[in-house]
Every structure is written in structure tokens, then in C-alpha cells.
């Protein structure tokens, strides 16, 4: 049987059960076997136990397996400035009320509670890994060298508390490579955390689209370096970016296209290269696609979703071929 996985919010991330159910039912009807639950990936929303069971029963009812979920790091990390959507990135944001990196102890603990809530969601719906962002306040780091040490001290506190909870639940946390955060600082972040925490707790999520926008020197750099910790993927295609613009919040977001991999418009990614490293990783297949699919009519949207599923199956076969080669 060919396996395939796509994000639950492939069409929109509206906070509406009607829209959530519509997309999940379409995912099942299109033939996908798995999904990454991405709804409520941003913000401070807490799932009640009854909602977790609602997600579980929705997926069970239509025969789609929960593969992974996308957790929220707390707070809204985007804003509209002069009519353009930007990441509120690089700075410290004191108004966020649930932030596992916060210097305010109550806010930090609330952020840990938010992550535990998403681990509970994983447990209830049967997902094995939880994708997590860590938007580094890199401009704040540059103001004072002590800021970086203070920041990671809080992160260590939070992960030290989260680790036994995740292990007891059988859930791994997988940090994602991001846009508009210099890749050198992301590498330092991954190295710090992977040196400190065991792979049965903390691993890596590879976002192929983010890699083309931030790791312009080598799209596969993080994938190669951290493939032994690869527990989740966000596979997507885009047209790339001028390296001079990749730390511009608005430009980076505008170029983060989330096209279906192997898109006919032509992207930058060698998908066989990615399949090769996925085959070597401890990733529980299938790899997750994270795409944006729309259409001028519901029929056009669904046709594109079916085409996406066929591409996901093609990628799955590419990974199996590399596994067979040893």
C-alpha cells in the first residue's frame, strides 16, 4: 500500500469546525492515508479534552491516521505592517502570555503548559511527533551577548520540565528550521539542544521550502547534518529568494509559497536528494507534505488535492527505492 500525508489545513486555517471537517473529509476522499494536524499552530489556544476526542473521532471516522501535529510556541508571530504580512521576528515580545522561552517565570510556565496540551493532543489522536517552532530573537541577541545565554537558560528550564512529560506520552518533539532567522544561529540552536537532550525526546523537522529561503548556500545542509534526528517533515516547493532579501520578514513570507513538491511551475529542489536522506532517517513514514491548495471552485480544489496525493505517493516510492539500495 502506498502511503501519503498532507497538512490538515491545506486550504485554510480558519478557526471553524465546519472548515476543519470539510478539509479532513476531502483529505480522506482524495486518498491520503495520514495527516499532520496543523490547525491552531499559531497563538495560545488550548484544546479541551473533549475537542481532542473530537479530532480523534473525526480522523477515525474517515479513515485517516494522525501522523504528527504542529504545536504552537505561543502568541501571534505575524502582523500586518503597511499592508504586508510580516513575521514579528528577531525581537523579544513581552505581551505574549504563553511563551516557553520567556524571562517571566509565570509566562514561561504557561508556555510549557501549552506544549503539554499539544502533547496530550498527540496522545489522544495517536500522533507520534510534535513539530515546534523556536523563533529566535536574533536582533535582541545582537544587542548584548548576555541576552543569548539568558534566553537559552529559559529554554533549558522549559525543555527539562517537558522532557519527562513527553517521554511518558511516547511523543517526540521536533524543532523546525525556519525562515527569517539566520541559518548560522539556527545551527547553533540545534547543536546546543541536540547536545543537551537525548534523541528519544528531541529531534528535527525539515521544512524544504524554508531551507531554500534561508539556507541559500545549501538547501540540504540541515537535512544532511541532522537526518539522524529527523522525526517530521514539511515538504513543499517554492521559487526561492534573492539571498540579499532572505532576512526581510515580508519578502521571506511572500516567497514561502507552499507549492506541492515537484510543482510544474518549477522549483529549486532536488527531490531525489531529499528522498535519499529521508530514507536514512528514523522518520516514521510517510513524510508529511505541508502545502497550500486552493481553487476557483470546490471541484478544482479537490482535483489539485488528488494530484498532491499522487505526488506524495511518488515521493514515498522514491524513499522506498533508496531504502532498498541500503
Protein backbone atom coordinates (compact mmCIF):
# COMPACT_ATOMS: atom_id res chain seq x y z
CA UNK A 1 0.00 0.00 0.00
CA UNK A 2 1.29 3.45 -0.91
CA UNK A 3 1.32 5.92 1.99
CA UNK A 4 0.81 9.67 1.84
CA UNK A 5 0.38 12.54 4.30
CA UNK A 6 -0.74 16.16 3.96
CA UNK A 7 -1.40 19.01 6.37
CA UNK A 8 -4.91 19.20 7.80
CA UNK A 9 -5.11 22.91 6.90
CA UNK A 10 -4.14 22.52 3.24
CA UNK A 11 -6.78 25.10 2.20
CA UNK A 12 -7.13 27.41 5.20
CA UNK A 13 -6.50 27.66 8.93
CA UNK A 14 -9.86 29.15 9.86
CA UNK A 15 -10.91 28.60 13.46
CA UNK A 16 -14.07 26.80 12.42
CA UNK A 17 -15.04 23.17 12.92
CA UNK A 18 -17.07 23.34 9.72
CA UNK A 19 -13.95 24.20 7.72
CA UNK A 20 -11.77 21.75 9.63
CA UNK A 21 -14.19 18.90 8.95
CA UNK A 22 -14.52 19.87 5.29
CA UNK A 23 -10.77 19.72 4.75
CA UNK A 24 -10.26 16.46 6.65
CA UNK A 25 -13.09 14.78 4.74
CA UNK A 26 -11.54 15.98 1.48
CA UNK A 27 -8.16 14.59 2.56
CA UNK A 28 -9.79 11.19 3.13
CA UNK A 29 -11.79 11.31 -0.08
CA UNK A 30 -8.66 12.22 -2.05
CA UNK A 31 -6.99 9.04 -0.82
CA UNK A 32 -4.44 10.25 1.74
CA UNK A 33 -3.61 7.73 4.44
CA UNK A 34 -2.21 10.19 7.01
CA UNK A 35 -2.30 13.83 8.04
CA UNK A 36 -0.28 16.27 10.10
CA UNK A 37 -2.73 18.15 12.34
CA UNK A 38 -1.70 21.80 11.91
CA UNK A 39 -4.80 23.70 12.98
CA UNK A 40 -4.07 26.19 15.79
CA UNK A 41 -0.33 26.04 15.11
CA UNK A 42 -0.04 29.74 15.99
CA UNK A 43 -1.41 31.53 19.04
CA UNK A 44 -2.31 30.45 22.56
CA UNK A 45 -5.38 28.27 22.03
CA UNK A 46 -5.75 25.33 24.43
CA UNK A 47 -7.58 22.19 23.31
CA UNK A 48 -10.05 20.81 25.84
CA UNK A 49 -10.10 17.01 26.31
CA UNK A 50 -13.46 16.84 24.53
CA UNK A 51 -12.01 18.63 21.50
CA UNK A 52 -9.09 16.20 21.42
CA UNK A 53 -11.56 13.33 21.27
CA UNK A 54 -13.46 15.21 18.58
CA UNK A 55 -10.29 15.37 16.46
CA UNK A 56 -9.61 11.68 17.15
CA UNK A 57 -13.11 10.61 16.17
CA UNK A 58 -13.15 12.81 13.06
CA UNK A 59 -9.96 11.19 11.80
CA UNK A 60 -11.04 7.68 12.76
CA UNK A 61 -14.42 8.18 11.18
CA UNK A 62 -12.96 8.98 7.78
CA UNK A 63 -10.07 6.51 7.97
CA UNK A 64 -7.15 8.98 8.09
CA UNK A 65 -4.34 8.36 10.60
CA UNK A 66 -2.88 11.15 12.70
CA UNK A 67 0.81 11.15 11.85
CA UNK A 68 2.24 14.24 13.56
CA UNK A 69 0.95 17.56 14.86
CA UNK A 70 2.19 21.14 14.68
CA UNK A 71 2.38 22.69 18.15
CA UNK A 72 2.19 26.40 18.93
CA UNK A 73 5.10 28.23 20.53
CA UNK A 74 2.60 30.74 21.93
CA UNK A 75 1.49 34.19 20.85
CA UNK A 76 0.82 35.53 17.38
CA UNK A 77 4.10 35.75 15.49
CA UNK A 78 2.79 37.59 12.43
CA UNK A 79 1.46 41.10 11.95
CA UNK A 80 0.30 43.35 9.12
CA UNK A 81 2.62 46.33 8.58
CA UNK A 82 1.84 48.81 5.80
CA UNK A 83 -0.49 46.29 4.24
CA UNK A 84 2.08 43.47 4.19
CA UNK A 85 2.17 40.39 6.41
CA UNK A 86 5.45 40.09 8.28
CA UNK A 87 6.90 37.81 10.94
CA UNK A 88 7.29 39.68 14.19
CA UNK A 89 10.72 38.18 14.27
CA UNK A 90 14.11 38.87 15.77
CA UNK A 91 12.85 40.75 18.83
CA UNK A 92 11.63 39.89 22.32
CA UNK A 93 7.84 40.22 22.65
CA UNK A 94 6.73 40.83 26.20
CA UNK A 95 2.98 40.85 25.51
CA UNK A 96 2.87 37.11 24.73
CA UNK A 97 1.20 35.32 27.64
CA UNK A 98 2.27 31.75 26.91
CA UNK A 99 5.93 31.54 25.83
CA UNK A 100 8.22 28.68 26.86
CA UNK A 101 11.27 30.93 26.23
CA UNK A 102 10.06 33.88 28.35
CA UNK A 103 12.13 35.50 31.09
CA UNK A 104 8.91 35.92 33.07
CA UNK A 105 8.56 32.70 35.06
CA UNK A 106 4.76 32.65 35.01
CA UNK A 107 4.69 33.26 31.27
CA UNK A 108 7.32 30.58 30.72
CA UNK A 109 5.37 28.03 32.76
CA UNK A 110 2.21 28.93 30.84
CA UNK A 111 4.18 28.24 27.66
CA UNK A 112 5.16 24.82 28.98
CA UNK A 113 1.50 24.15 29.77
CA UNK A 114 0.67 25.00 26.15
CA UNK A 115 3.23 22.46 24.91
CA UNK A 116 1.93 19.83 27.33
CA UNK A 117 -1.54 20.49 25.94
CA UNK A 118 -0.29 19.64 22.47
CA UNK A 119 1.48 16.52 23.73
CA UNK A 120 -1.87 15.49 25.19
CA UNK A 121 -3.40 16.08 21.75
CA UNK A 122 -0.77 13.81 20.21
CA UNK A 123 -1.59 11.09 22.73
CA UNK A 124 -5.35 11.34 22.22
CA UNK A 125 -5.25 11.21 18.42
CA UNK A 126 -2.32 8.79 18.04
CA UNK A 127 0.38 11.11 16.65
CA UNK A 128 3.98 10.24 17.43
CA UNK A 129 5.79 13.55 16.97
CA UNK A 130 5.12 17.22 17.64
CA UNK A 131 6.61 19.90 15.38
CA UNK A 132 7.71 23.04 17.22
CA UNK A 133 8.94 26.47 16.17
CA UNK A 134 11.59 28.38 18.09
CA UNK A 135 11.64 31.87 16.59
CA UNK A 136 14.99 33.13 17.84
CA UNK A 137 15.06 36.82 18.91
CA UNK A 138 18.27 37.25 16.95
CA UNK A 139 18.19 41.03 16.73
CA UNK A 140 17.85 41.10 20.53
CA UNK A 141 20.80 38.72 20.81
CA UNK A 142 22.95 41.23 18.91
CA UNK A 143 22.22 43.98 21.44
CA UNK A 144 24.03 42.21 24.28
CA UNK A 145 25.92 38.87 24.31
CA UNK A 146 24.32 38.05 27.66
CA UNK A 147 20.87 38.03 26.09
CA UNK A 148 21.55 34.79 24.25
CA UNK A 149 22.67 32.98 27.41
CA UNK A 150 19.63 34.31 29.30
CA UNK A 151 17.34 33.13 26.51
CA UNK A 152 18.70 29.59 26.36
CA UNK A 153 18.66 29.33 30.16
CA UNK A 154 14.87 29.69 29.99
CA UNK A 155 14.60 27.25 27.08
CA UNK A 156 16.58 24.67 29.05
CA UNK A 157 14.27 25.09 32.04
CA UNK A 158 11.23 24.51 29.85
CA UNK A 159 12.62 21.51 28.00
CA UNK A 160 13.90 19.96 31.25
CA UNK A 161 10.31 20.11 32.52
CA UNK A 162 8.77 18.99 29.24
CA UNK A 163 11.09 16.03 28.65
CA UNK A 164 9.63 13.57 31.21
CA UNK A 165 6.10 14.52 30.18
CA UNK A 166 6.81 13.84 26.51
CA UNK A 167 8.63 10.61 27.23
CA UNK A 168 5.76 9.32 29.37
CA UNK A 169 3.40 10.06 26.49
CA UNK A 170 5.69 8.45 23.89
CA UNK A 171 5.83 11.70 21.92
CA UNK A 172 8.93 13.23 20.36
CA UNK A 173 9.40 16.97 19.92
CA UNK A 174 10.84 18.01 16.54
CA UNK A 175 12.26 21.53 16.11
CA UNK A 176 11.74 23.04 12.67
CA UNK A 177 14.18 25.02 10.53
CA UNK A 178 12.64 28.44 9.94
CA UNK A 179 12.66 31.45 7.66
CA UNK A 180 13.79 34.97 8.60
CA UNK A 181 16.16 33.59 11.23
CA UNK A 182 19.83 33.46 10.13
CA UNK A 183 20.77 29.87 9.45
CA UNK A 184 24.00 30.15 11.44
CA UNK A 185 22.03 30.94 14.60
CA UNK A 186 19.61 28.11 13.87
CA UNK A 187 22.54 25.73 13.56
CA UNK A 188 23.87 26.92 16.93
CA UNK A 189 20.40 26.41 18.40
CA UNK A 190 20.11 22.84 17.07
CA UNK A 191 23.63 21.96 18.20
CA UNK A 192 23.07 23.31 21.70
CA UNK A 193 19.79 21.46 22.16
CA UNK A 194 20.72 18.19 20.47
CA UNK A 195 23.89 18.02 22.57
CA UNK A 196 21.88 18.52 25.74
CA UNK A 197 18.84 16.31 25.07
CA UNK A 198 18.53 12.67 24.02
CA UNK A 199 17.05 11.76 20.64
CA UNK A 200 14.17 9.90 22.27
CA UNK A 201 12.89 13.34 23.34
CA UNK A 202 14.14 15.99 20.93
CA UNK A 203 14.64 15.87 17.18
CA UNK A 204 14.36 17.77 13.93
CA UNK A 205 11.69 18.80 11.42
CA UNK A 206 12.94 19.56 7.91
CA UNK A 207 10.99 22.21 6.01
CA UNK A 208 12.24 22.11 2.42
CA UNK A 209 10.70 25.44 1.47
CA UNK A 210 12.21 27.21 4.47
CA UNK A 211 15.58 25.72 3.56
CA UNK A 212 15.54 27.28 0.10
CA UNK A 213 14.73 30.68 1.60
CA UNK A 214 17.25 30.70 4.44
CA UNK A 215 19.96 28.14 3.58
CA UNK A 216 20.59 29.61 0.15
CA UNK A 217 24.13 28.23 0.20
CA UNK A 218 22.91 24.62 0.58
CA UNK A 219 19.24 23.66 0.69
CA UNK A 220 20.02 20.26 2.20
CA UNK A 221 22.53 21.39 4.83
CA UNK A 222 20.29 20.90 7.87
CA UNK A 223 18.76 17.72 6.45
CA UNK A 224 22.16 16.10 6.00
CA UNK A 225 23.53 17.26 9.34
CA UNK A 226 20.50 16.31 11.45
CA UNK A 227 18.95 13.44 9.49
CA UNK A 228 19.60 11.03 12.37
CA UNK A 229 17.13 13.13 14.40
CA UNK A 230 14.57 13.61 11.62
CA UNK A 231 11.12 12.86 13.07
CA UNK A 232 8.90 15.06 10.89
CA UNK A 233 8.91 16.91 7.58
CA UNK A 234 7.23 19.88 5.95
CA UNK A 235 7.82 19.13 2.28
CA UNK A 236 6.92 21.99 -0.01
CA UNK A 237 8.23 23.79 -3.09
CA UNK A 238 8.80 27.47 -3.87
CA UNK A 239 10.64 29.69 -6.30
CA UNK A 240 13.44 30.67 -3.92
CA UNK A 241 14.63 34.16 -3.00
CA UNK A 242 17.49 36.57 -3.62
CA UNK A 243 19.85 35.88 -0.66
CA UNK A 244 20.02 39.63 -0.06
CA UNK A 245 16.32 39.54 0.90
CA UNK A 246 16.10 36.39 2.99
CA UNK A 247 16.15 38.20 6.34
CA UNK A 248 13.45 40.63 5.21
CA UNK A 249 10.33 39.42 7.03
CA UNK A 250 7.81 40.49 4.40
CA UNK A 251 9.84 39.25 1.43
CA UNK A 252 10.57 35.88 3.01
CA UNK A 253 6.91 35.29 3.86
CA UNK A 254 5.86 36.33 0.37
CA UNK A 255 8.24 33.76 -1.14
CA UNK A 256 7.20 30.93 1.23
CA UNK A 257 4.81 29.59 -1.40
CA UNK A 258 3.96 26.11 -0.10
CA UNK A 259 3.58 24.68 -3.58
CA UNK A 260 3.14 20.94 -3.91
CA UNK A 261 6.56 19.26 -4.29
CA UNK A 262 7.67 18.72 -7.89
CA UNK A 263 5.34 21.56 -8.92
CA UNK A 264 5.10 22.11 -12.67
CA UNK A 265 5.99 25.80 -12.19
CA UNK A 266 9.46 24.58 -11.37
CA UNK A 267 11.17 24.90 -8.03
CA UNK A 268 14.73 24.62 -6.84
CA UNK A 269 14.69 21.33 -5.01
CA UNK A 270 16.24 18.01 -5.98
CA UNK A 271 13.57 15.71 -4.57
CA UNK A 272 15.66 12.60 -5.07
CA UNK A 273 18.29 14.13 -2.81
CA UNK A 274 15.70 14.71 -0.11
CA UNK A 275 14.30 11.19 -0.57
CA UNK A 276 17.81 9.80 -0.10
CA UNK A 277 18.23 11.44 3.31
CA UNK A 278 14.68 10.70 4.43
CA UNK A 279 15.40 7.04 3.67
CA UNK A 280 18.37 7.14 6.07
CA UNK A 281 16.41 8.85 8.84
CA UNK A 282 14.42 7.34 11.74
CA UNK A 283 11.34 9.10 10.34
CA UNK A 284 8.12 7.13 10.63
CA UNK A 285 6.87 7.15 7.03
CA UNK A 286 5.17 8.68 5.19
CA UNK A 287 6.84 12.07 5.03
CA UNK A 288 4.42 14.94 5.63
CA UNK A 289 3.64 17.41 2.85
CA UNK A 290 2.83 20.95 4.02
CA UNK A 291 1.13 22.68 1.12
CA UNK A 292 -1.38 25.35 0.23
CA UNK A 293 -4.09 24.24 -2.18
CA UNK A 294 -6.92 26.41 -3.40
CA UNK A 295 -9.14 26.59 -6.46
CA UNK A 296 -11.72 28.77 -8.10
CA UNK A 297 -14.29 26.04 -7.44
CA UNK A 298 -14.57 23.18 -4.91
CA UNK A 299 -14.06 20.74 -7.79
CA UNK A 300 -10.81 22.42 -8.83
CA UNK A 301 -9.55 22.42 -5.24
CA UNK A 302 -10.30 18.72 -4.89
CA UNK A 303 -8.63 17.85 -8.20
CA UNK A 304 -5.48 19.61 -7.02
CA UNK A 305 -5.65 17.69 -3.73
CA UNK A 306 -5.86 14.37 -5.59
CA UNK A 307 -2.85 15.39 -7.70
CA UNK A 308 -1.00 16.24 -4.48
CA UNK A 309 -1.76 12.77 -3.08
CA UNK A 310 -0.34 11.15 -6.21
CA UNK A 311 2.83 13.22 -5.83
CA UNK A 312 3.10 12.22 -2.17
CA UNK A 313 2.83 8.56 -3.20
CA UNK A 314 5.53 9.13 -5.81
CA UNK A 315 7.82 10.59 -3.17
CA UNK A 316 7.06 7.66 -0.86
CA UNK A 317 8.14 5.29 -3.64
CA UNK A 318 11.36 7.30 -4.10
CA UNK A 319 12.14 6.89 -0.39
CA UNK A 320 11.43 3.15 -0.55
CA UNK A 321 13.75 2.82 -3.55
CA UNK A 322 16.58 4.42 -1.58
CA UNK A 323 15.88 2.18 1.40
CA UNK A 324 16.11 -0.83 -0.90
CA UNK A 325 19.52 0.35 -2.07
CA UNK A 326 20.69 0.13 1.52
